[in-house]
Amino acid sequence: MKSAIKILAVLVALFCTAGCNQKPRVAAPPPPVVSVIQPVQREVVEWDEYIGRLESPATVEIRARVSGYLDKVHFKEGKEVKKGDLLFTIDPRPYQAEYDRAEAEHQRAESQAELANDDAERAKRLIATKAISEEDFDTKAKTYTSSLAAVRSSKATLDSAKLNLEFTEIHSPIDGRIGRALVTEGNLISGGVSGTGTTLLTTIVSLDPLYLYGDADERAILKYIHLSQEGKRVSARDEIIPAEMGLSDETGFPHKGYMDFVDNRVDPTTGTMRARGVFSNEDHRLSPGFFARIRIPGSGKYPALLIPDRGLGSDQAQKFVYVVDAEKKIEFRPVKIGPMIDGLRIVKEGLKPGEQVVVEGLMRVRPGVVVDAKPFETK
């Protein structure tokens, strides 16, 4: 009995010793959860962006064609005016008097011409019967011819006086927005048809459409030439191409227009060439002088893969993505990227259609790690 108890005690001690030497098993951590997305496949056009300034197609300096004292200003400064609206009135009285004098002189010349015509007709009948000498006949005929010239001269003087009288009223030559009156009522202004030394009264700018001028550098110009030669993109010199514009307080390029002009030479001082876009301004919200962003097609259409920018990683200058392969392992993939299109980044090289690109959880994975890939859900 005692021997059996001793054997049992030895077995218990051996069992305890073996149990104490065994280490507990640690459960393997679950694979990291990542969100993946397949690249979007579609045809895209790359856009080139530039900075430009809005300008009015028509800017008119309002100057007087006749001199005199400014009698009345008829417009409200800074407001829109229509073509033909009365803007200024110059004291018309001196020009009205000149017109009346010219009109009377013209009437006198016409009366003298009628009298000379009667004398000439009478002389024509008398010369047929030898009742007057040929010298008298020639005098009557030449007098009539001279009186006709006097009528034409007086008519020209009358027309000039009429024009000067009309020029005392200055009307808007275009539709647009007028500036401030640079001369107030009662001041003497200088006029003239040549414009030299004439007084500037105000300015008017047209509002619809507006031009946007921008400058492209030589590298961009050469790129457009090569694209046109290869048939990938039409030249703005040959056809109208689309253009889009955004103001400094706007996101994206909400204003749609087109390019209608490319300059004929590169500016040697800046190495750039000027081009012009045309944009509608029906609501007159835009004003000449605004800075704006403009973009134009910088390539032809081509098939591309696009991913969200959040799926890109950077290794110094190298961009890369993590791709989940068929074995659910992470694969490091260097890529060559392009510009943003509608919030997505073009990937030109390094990806294939249908691959699973990690867009969330990049910091939790490394190449070769097995992951639990979940479809990316947009919020």
Protein backbone atom coordinates (compact mmCIF):
# COMPACT_ATOMS: atom_id res chain seq x y z
CA MET A 1 0.00 0.00 0.00
CA LYS A 2 2.75 2.40 0.87
CA SER A 3 4.59 1.51 -2.35
CA ALA A 4 1.50 2.28 -4.44
CA ILE A 5 1.13 5.69 -2.79
CA LYS A 6 4.77 6.47 -3.55
CA ILE A 7 4.37 5.51 -7.24
CA LEU A 8 1.30 7.76 -7.52
CA ALA A 9 3.17 10.70 -5.98
CA VAL A 10 6.04 10.26 -8.43
CA LEU A 11 3.62 10.25 -11.42
CA VAL A 12 1.92 13.41 -10.19
CA ALA A 13 5.28 15.20 -9.81
CA LEU A 14 6.36 14.14 -13.29
CA PHE A 15 3.08 15.38 -14.79
CA CYS A 16 3.38 18.76 -13.06
CA THR A 17 6.95 19.15 -14.24
CA ALA A 18 6.02 18.39 -17.87
CA GLY A 19 3.07 20.79 -17.74
CA CYS A 20 5.14 23.64 -16.36
CA ASN A 21 7.76 23.31 -19.15
CA GLN A 22 5.15 23.67 -21.98
CA LYS A 23 4.54 27.27 -23.27
CA PRO A 24 0.99 28.42 -24.15
CA ARG A 25 0.24 28.74 -27.88
CA VAL A 26 -0.24 32.36 -29.19
CA ALA A 27 -3.04 32.79 -31.80
CA ALA A 28 -1.91 34.28 -35.17
CA PRO A 29 -3.20 37.89 -35.77
CA PRO A 30 -5.89 38.28 -38.45
CA PRO A 31 -4.81 39.68 -41.83
CA PRO A 32 -5.10 43.48 -42.07
CA VAL A 33 -8.28 44.78 -43.64
CA VAL A 34 -7.81 47.07 -46.65
CA SER A 35 -10.18 48.74 -49.09
CA VAL A 36 -9.58 48.12 -52.77
CA ILE A 37 -10.93 49.48 -56.03
CA GLN A 38 -10.60 48.54 -59.67
CA PRO A 39 -9.20 51.23 -62.01
CA VAL A 40 -11.81 53.06 -64.05
CA GLN A 41 -11.38 52.51 -67.79
CA ARG A 42 -12.39 55.27 -70.21
CA GLU A 43 -11.19 57.56 -72.97
CA VAL A 44 -9.74 60.79 -71.67
CA VAL A 45 -8.29 64.06 -72.91
CA GLU A 46 -5.53 65.78 -70.98
CA TRP A 47 -6.05 69.50 -70.41
CA ASP A 48 -3.38 72.18 -70.24
CA GLU A 49 -4.04 75.05 -67.85
CA TYR A 50 -2.96 78.68 -68.17
CA ILE A 51 -3.56 81.97 -66.40
CA GLY A 52 -5.06 84.83 -68.36
CA ARG A 53 -6.96 88.09 -68.06
CA LEU A 54 -10.43 88.93 -69.31
CA GLU A 55 -10.69 91.75 -71.83
CA SER A 56 -13.53 93.39 -73.68
CA PRO A 57 -13.77 92.88 -77.46
CA ALA A 58 -14.71 96.55 -77.85
CA THR A 59 -13.34 99.43 -75.78
CA VAL A 60 -14.37 102.89 -76.94
CA GLU A 61 -12.96 106.23 -75.80
CA ILE A 62 -15.71 108.83 -76.03
CA ARG A 63 -14.37 112.13 -77.37
CA ALA A 64 -16.12 115.17 -78.81
CA ARG A 65 -15.93 115.93 -82.53
CA VAL A 66 -16.61 119.63 -81.97
CA SER A 67 -15.34 122.07 -79.37
CA GLY A 68 -17.51 123.96 -76.96
CA TYR A 69 -18.82 124.13 -73.43
CA LEU A 70 -20.25 120.92 -71.98
CA ASP A 71 -23.93 121.60 -71.44
CA LYS A 72 -25.28 118.33 -69.99
CA VAL A 73 -24.22 114.83 -68.88
CA HIS A 74 -27.10 112.41 -69.52
CA PHE A 75 -25.90 109.06 -68.14
CA LYS A 76 -25.36 107.53 -64.72
CA GLU A 77 -21.76 106.61 -64.14
CA GLY A 78 -20.89 102.90 -64.05
CA LYS A 79 -24.22 101.78 -65.52
CA GLU A 80 -24.97 99.89 -68.70
CA VAL A 81 -25.85 101.87 -71.81
CA LYS A 82 -27.33 100.91 -75.16
CA LYS A 83 -26.09 101.82 -78.59
CA GLY A 84 -27.54 105.23 -79.52
CA ASP A 85 -28.14 106.45 -75.95
CA LEU A 86 -27.49 110.18 -75.48
CA LEU A 87 -24.42 110.66 -73.28
CA PHE A 88 -23.31 114.32 -73.50
CA THR A 89 -24.65 117.57 -74.93
CA ILE A 90 -22.34 120.40 -75.97
CA ASP A 91 -23.83 123.94 -76.12
CA PRO A 92 -25.44 123.82 -79.60
CA ARG A 93 -26.17 127.55 -80.06
CA PRO A 94 -23.00 128.55 -81.95
CA TYR A 95 -23.40 125.59 -84.28
CA GLN A 96 -27.11 126.27 -84.74
CA ALA A 97 -26.26 129.82 -85.84
CA GLU A 98 -23.61 128.52 -88.25
CA TYR A 99 -26.12 126.05 -89.67
CA ASP A 100 -28.72 128.80 -90.16
CA ARG A 101 -26.15 130.99 -91.94
CA ALA A 102 -25.07 128.12 -94.19
CA GLU A 103 -28.67 127.28 -95.00
CA ALA A 104 -29.40 130.89 -96.00
CA GLU A 105 -26.24 130.99 -98.12
CA HIS A 106 -27.32 127.81 -99.85
CA GLN A 107 -30.75 129.25 -100.60
CA ARG A 108 -29.16 132.39 -102.04
CA ALA A 109 -26.87 130.29 -104.24
CA GLU A 110 -29.84 128.27 -105.52
CA SER A 111 -31.75 131.50 -106.35
CA GLN A 112 -28.76 132.89 -108.25
CA ALA A 113 -28.44 129.57 -110.08
CA GLU A 114 -32.11 129.72 -111.13
CA LEU A 115 -31.64 133.29 -112.37
CA ALA A 116 -28.48 132.35 -114.25
CA ASN A 117 -30.33 129.39 -115.77
CA ASP A 118 -33.09 131.67 -117.03
CA ASP A 119 -30.53 134.05 -118.57
CA ALA A 120 -28.74 131.16 -120.22
CA GLU A 121 -31.97 129.74 -121.71
CA ARG A 122 -32.94 133.18 -122.99
CA ALA A 123 -29.51 133.67 -124.51
CA LYS A 124 -29.80 130.28 -126.25
CA ARG A 125 -32.99 131.42 -128.02
CA LEU A 126 -31.55 134.81 -128.94
CA ILE A 127 -28.30 133.44 -130.36
CA ALA A 128 -30.36 131.33 -132.76
CA THR A 129 -31.73 134.54 -134.34
CA LYS A 130 -28.43 136.39 -134.07
CA ALA A 131 -30.09 138.82 -131.65
CA ILE A 132 -27.06 138.72 -129.31
CA SER A 133 -23.43 138.24 -129.86
CA GLU A 134 -21.65 134.96 -129.24
CA GLU A 135 -19.62 136.69 -126.53
CA ASP A 136 -22.80 137.54 -124.60
CA PHE A 137 -24.07 133.99 -125.05
CA ASP A 138 -20.83 132.53 -123.70
CA THR A 139 -20.95 134.87 -120.72
CA LYS A 140 -24.51 133.78 -119.85
CA ALA A 141 -23.64 130.10 -120.19
CA LYS A 142 -20.50 130.36 -118.08
CA THR A 143 -22.35 132.35 -115.45
CA TYR A 144 -24.86 129.54 -115.14
CA THR A 145 -22.10 126.94 -114.83
CA SER A 146 -20.41 129.04 -112.14
CA SER A 147 -23.69 129.40 -110.25
CA LEU A 148 -24.13 125.59 -110.21
CA ALA A 149 -20.65 125.25 -108.67
CA ALA A 150 -21.61 127.84 -106.05
CA VAL A 151 -24.72 125.78 -105.24
CA ARG A 152 -22.63 122.65 -104.70
CA SER A 153 -20.16 124.58 -102.53
CA SER A 154 -22.91 126.08 -100.39
CA LYS A 155 -24.51 122.63 -100.08
CA ALA A 156 -21.22 121.19 -98.80
CA THR A 157 -20.93 124.04 -96.28
CA LEU A 158 -24.51 123.40 -95.18
CA ASP A 159 -23.86 119.66 -94.77
CA SER A 160 -20.74 120.40 -92.71
CA ALA A 161 -22.67 122.81 -90.49
CA LYS A 162 -25.42 120.21 -90.06
CA LEU A 163 -22.86 117.59 -89.02
CA ASN A 164 -21.27 119.94 -86.50
CA LEU A 165 -24.70 120.69 -85.06
CA GLU A 166 -25.43 116.94 -84.77
CA PHE A 167 -22.02 116.39 -83.14
CA THR A 168 -23.08 118.59 -80.23
CA GLU A 169 -25.03 115.52 -79.08
CA ILE A 170 -22.70 112.61 -78.26
CA HIS A 171 -24.34 109.16 -78.41
CA SER A 172 -23.07 105.74 -77.37
CA PRO A 173 -21.59 103.85 -80.33
CA ILE A 174 -21.96 100.40 -78.69
CA ASP A 175 -23.83 98.46 -76.01
CA GLY A 176 -21.77 98.15 -72.84
CA ARG A 177 -20.87 99.52 -69.43
CA ILE A 178 -19.86 103.16 -69.19
CA GLY A 179 -17.20 104.57 -66.89
CA ARG A 180 -17.20 107.79 -64.94
CA ALA A 181 -17.61 111.20 -66.55
CA LEU A 182 -14.10 112.66 -66.83
CA VAL A 183 -15.44 116.18 -67.54
CA THR A 184 -18.25 117.87 -65.67
CA GLU A 185 -20.87 120.29 -66.95
CA GLY A 186 -19.72 123.82 -67.72
CA ASN A 187 -16.17 122.93 -68.77
CA LEU A 188 -14.73 123.82 -72.16
CA ILE A 189 -13.84 120.72 -74.15
CA SER A 190 -11.72 120.41 -77.27
CA GLY A 191 -13.02 118.40 -80.20
CA GLY A 192 -11.94 117.35 -83.64
CA VAL A 193 -12.30 114.52 -86.12
CA SER A 194 -8.58 113.69 -86.02
CA GLY A 195 -8.60 113.00 -82.29
CA THR A 196 -5.39 114.95 -81.72
CA GLY A 197 -5.70 117.13 -78.65
CA THR A 198 -9.33 116.21 -78.12
CA THR A 199 -10.78 115.88 -74.63
CA LEU A 200 -11.49 112.37 -73.33
CA LEU A 201 -14.99 112.38 -71.86
CA THR A 202 -15.46 108.76 -70.73
CA THR A 203 -14.98 105.14 -71.85
CA ILE A 204 -17.35 102.28 -72.69
CA VAL A 205 -16.53 98.56 -72.72
CA SER A 206 -18.67 95.85 -74.27
CA LEU A 207 -19.71 92.99 -71.96
CA ASP A 208 -20.90 90.03 -74.03
CA PRO A 209 -18.96 88.08 -75.09
CA LEU A 210 -15.61 88.56 -73.33
CA TYR A 211 -12.12 87.59 -74.45
CA LEU A 212 -9.61 85.75 -72.27
CA TYR A 213 -5.99 86.16 -73.37
CA GLY A 214 -3.33 83.71 -72.23
CA ASP A 215 0.28 82.90 -73.14
CA ALA A 216 1.72 79.46 -73.93
CA ASP A 217 5.46 78.74 -73.79
CA GLU A 218 7.52 77.30 -76.64
CA ARG A 219 7.45 73.74 -75.29
CA ALA A 220 3.65 73.72 -75.24
CA ILE A 221 3.47 75.28 -78.71
CA LEU A 222 5.80 72.62 -80.13
CA LYS A 223 3.72 69.91 -78.47
CA TYR A 224 0.56 71.23 -80.12
CA ILE A 225 2.32 71.33 -83.50
CA HIS A 226 3.42 67.68 -83.17
CA LEU A 227 -0.06 66.60 -82.08
CA SER A 228 -1.56 68.34 -85.11
CA GLN A 229 0.97 66.77 -87.47
CA GLU A 230 0.25 63.31 -86.01
CA GLY A 231 -3.50 63.82 -86.38
CA LYS A 232 -4.16 63.49 -82.65
CA ARG A 233 -5.40 67.03 -82.03
CA VAL A 234 -6.57 69.78 -84.38
CA SER A 235 -4.73 73.08 -84.39
CA ALA A 236 -6.49 76.15 -83.02
CA ARG A 237 -5.28 77.97 -86.15
CA ASP A 238 -7.33 75.67 -88.39
CA GLU A 239 -10.45 74.87 -86.36
CA ILE A 240 -12.30 76.04 -83.29
CA ILE A 241 -11.25 74.03 -80.23
CA PRO A 242 -13.07 73.99 -76.87
CA ALA A 243 -11.86 76.02 -73.90
CA GLU A 244 -12.98 76.15 -70.28
CA MET A 245 -12.56 78.95 -67.74
CA GLY A 246 -12.71 79.34 -63.97
CA LEU A 247 -12.44 82.51 -61.88
CA SER A 248 -10.34 82.83 -58.74
CA ASP A 249 -13.33 82.13 -56.47
CA GLU A 250 -14.65 79.18 -58.49
CA THR A 251 -13.86 75.48 -58.27
CA GLY A 252 -13.08 73.79 -61.55
CA PHE A 253 -13.86 75.35 -64.91
CA PRO A 254 -17.61 76.05 -65.08
CA HIS A 255 -17.53 78.48 -68.04
CA LYS A 256 -17.48 76.88 -71.49
CA GLY A 257 -16.12 78.67 -74.56
CA TYR A 258 -13.78 78.23 -77.50
CA MET A 259 -10.47 79.44 -78.88
CA ASP A 260 -10.70 81.75 -81.89
CA PHE A 261 -7.26 83.32 -82.24
CA VAL A 262 -3.58 82.36 -82.04
CA ASP A 263 -0.93 85.03 -82.61
CA ASN A 264 1.38 84.90 -85.63
CA ARG A 265 4.69 84.89 -83.78
CA VAL A 266 6.43 83.99 -80.56
CA ASP A 267 7.33 87.00 -78.44
CA PRO A 268 11.15 86.93 -78.35
CA THR A 269 11.26 88.75 -75.01
CA THR A 270 9.08 86.22 -73.16
CA GLY A 271 9.32 83.11 -75.33
CA THR A 272 5.53 82.80 -75.34
CA MET A 273 2.74 83.02 -77.89
CA ARG A 274 -0.58 84.71 -77.14
CA ALA A 275 -3.93 83.03 -77.78
CA ARG A 276 -7.51 84.06 -77.13
CA GLY A 277 -10.60 82.33 -75.81
CA VAL A 278 -14.17 83.58 -76.24
CA PHE A 279 -16.69 83.17 -73.40
CA SER A 280 -20.34 84.11 -73.12
CA ASN A 281 -21.31 86.69 -70.49
CA GLU A 282 -25.06 86.95 -70.94
CA ASP A 283 -25.70 87.81 -67.29
CA HIS A 284 -22.91 90.46 -67.35
CA ARG A 285 -21.49 89.02 -64.12
CA LEU A 286 -17.96 88.99 -65.51
CA SER A 287 -15.99 92.18 -66.02
CA PRO A 288 -12.95 93.02 -68.16
CA GLY A 289 -9.76 92.92 -66.12
CA PHE A 290 -10.52 89.80 -64.06
CA PHE A 291 -7.76 87.22 -63.76
CA ALA A 292 -8.99 83.74 -64.67
CA ARG A 293 -7.79 80.20 -65.26
CA ILE A 294 -8.24 78.74 -68.72
CA ARG A 295 -7.68 75.22 -69.93
CA ILE A 296 -7.58 73.73 -73.42
CA PRO A 297 -7.15 70.17 -74.72
CA GLY A 298 -3.48 69.20 -74.41
CA SER A 299 -3.77 65.80 -76.09
CA GLY A 300 -5.98 63.70 -78.29
CA LYS A 301 -8.42 61.16 -76.87
CA TYR A 302 -6.81 57.94 -75.61
CA PRO A 303 -7.89 55.00 -73.37
CA ALA A 304 -6.68 55.35 -69.79
CA LEU A 305 -6.97 53.85 -66.33
CA LEU A 306 -7.95 56.17 -63.47
CA ILE A 307 -7.77 55.72 -59.69
CA PRO A 308 -8.35 57.97 -56.68
CA ASP A 309 -5.31 59.94 -55.58
CA ARG A 310 -5.52 58.30 -52.15
CA GLY A 311 -4.34 55.03 -53.69
CA LEU A 312 -0.95 56.51 -54.60
CA GLY A 313 2.14 56.26 -52.44
CA SER A 314 5.45 58.07 -52.83
CA ASP A 315 8.97 56.67 -52.53
CA GLN A 316 11.08 59.80 -53.03
CA ALA A 317 10.34 60.77 -56.65
CA GLN A 318 8.75 57.40 -57.51
CA LYS A 319 4.98 56.96 -57.35
CA PHE A 320 3.61 53.49 -56.57
CA VAL A 321 0.46 51.56 -55.70
CA TYR A 322 -0.21 48.39 -53.73
CA VAL A 323 -2.05 45.72 -55.71
CA VAL A 324 -3.77 42.67 -54.18
CA ASP A 325 -2.93 39.59 -56.30
CA ALA A 326 -4.90 36.35 -56.72
CA GLU A 327 -3.38 34.93 -53.52
CA LYS A 328 -4.55 37.99 -51.55
CA LYS A 329 -0.96 39.14 -51.14
CA ILE A 330 0.25 42.71 -51.47
CA GLU A 331 2.32 43.49 -54.54
CA PHE A 332 4.40 46.68 -54.87
CA ARG A 333 3.83 48.31 -58.27
CA PRO A 334 5.70 51.41 -59.54
CA VAL A 335 3.46 53.54 -61.76
CA LYS A 336 3.69 56.50 -64.11
CA ILE A 337 0.89 58.96 -63.54
CA GLY A 338 -0.78 61.73 -65.51
CA PRO A 339 -3.03 64.67 -64.62
CA MET A 340 -6.30 64.63 -62.68
CA ILE A 341 -9.52 64.07 -64.64
CA ASP A 342 -12.84 64.63 -62.81
CA GLY A 343 -11.25 63.94 -59.43
CA LEU A 344 -9.38 60.80 -60.53
CA ARG A 345 -5.70 60.37 -61.37
CA ILE A 346 -4.61 59.00 -64.74
CA VAL A 347 -2.22 56.05 -64.46
CA LYS A 348 -0.31 55.77 -67.73
CA GLU A 349 1.93 52.80 -66.87
CA GLY A 350 2.11 50.10 -64.19
CA LEU A 351 -1.52 48.98 -63.91
CA LYS A 352 -3.79 46.61 -65.80
CA PRO A 353 -7.58 46.66 -66.11
CA GLY A 354 -9.39 44.70 -63.42
CA GLU A 355 -6.57 44.72 -60.84
CA GLN A 356 -7.37 45.41 -57.18
CA VAL A 357 -5.69 48.62 -56.00
CA VAL A 358 -5.47 49.42 -52.30
CA VAL A 359 -6.98 52.82 -51.57
CA GLU A 360 -7.38 52.61 -47.76
CA GLY A 361 -4.99 50.96 -45.31
CA LEU A 362 -1.73 51.62 -47.16
CA MET A 363 0.13 52.24 -43.88
CA ARG A 364 -0.84 48.80 -42.54
CA VAL A 365 0.54 46.69 -45.39
CA ARG A 366 3.87 45.75 -46.92
CA PRO A 367 4.77 43.74 -50.05
CA GLY A 368 4.04 40.02 -49.56
CA VAL A 369 1.58 40.49 -46.68
CA VAL A 370 -1.71 38.61 -46.95
CA VAL A 371 -4.66 40.99 -46.54
CA ASP A 372 -8.42 40.90 -46.21
CA ALA A 373 -9.51 43.00 -49.18
CA LYS A 374 -12.88 44.75 -49.01
CA PRO A 375 -14.49 46.78 -51.80
CA PHE A 376 -14.05 50.51 -51.30
CA GLU A 377 -17.30 52.25 -50.44
CA THR A 378 -17.68 55.90 -51.33
CA LYS A 379 -19.41 58.00 -48.71
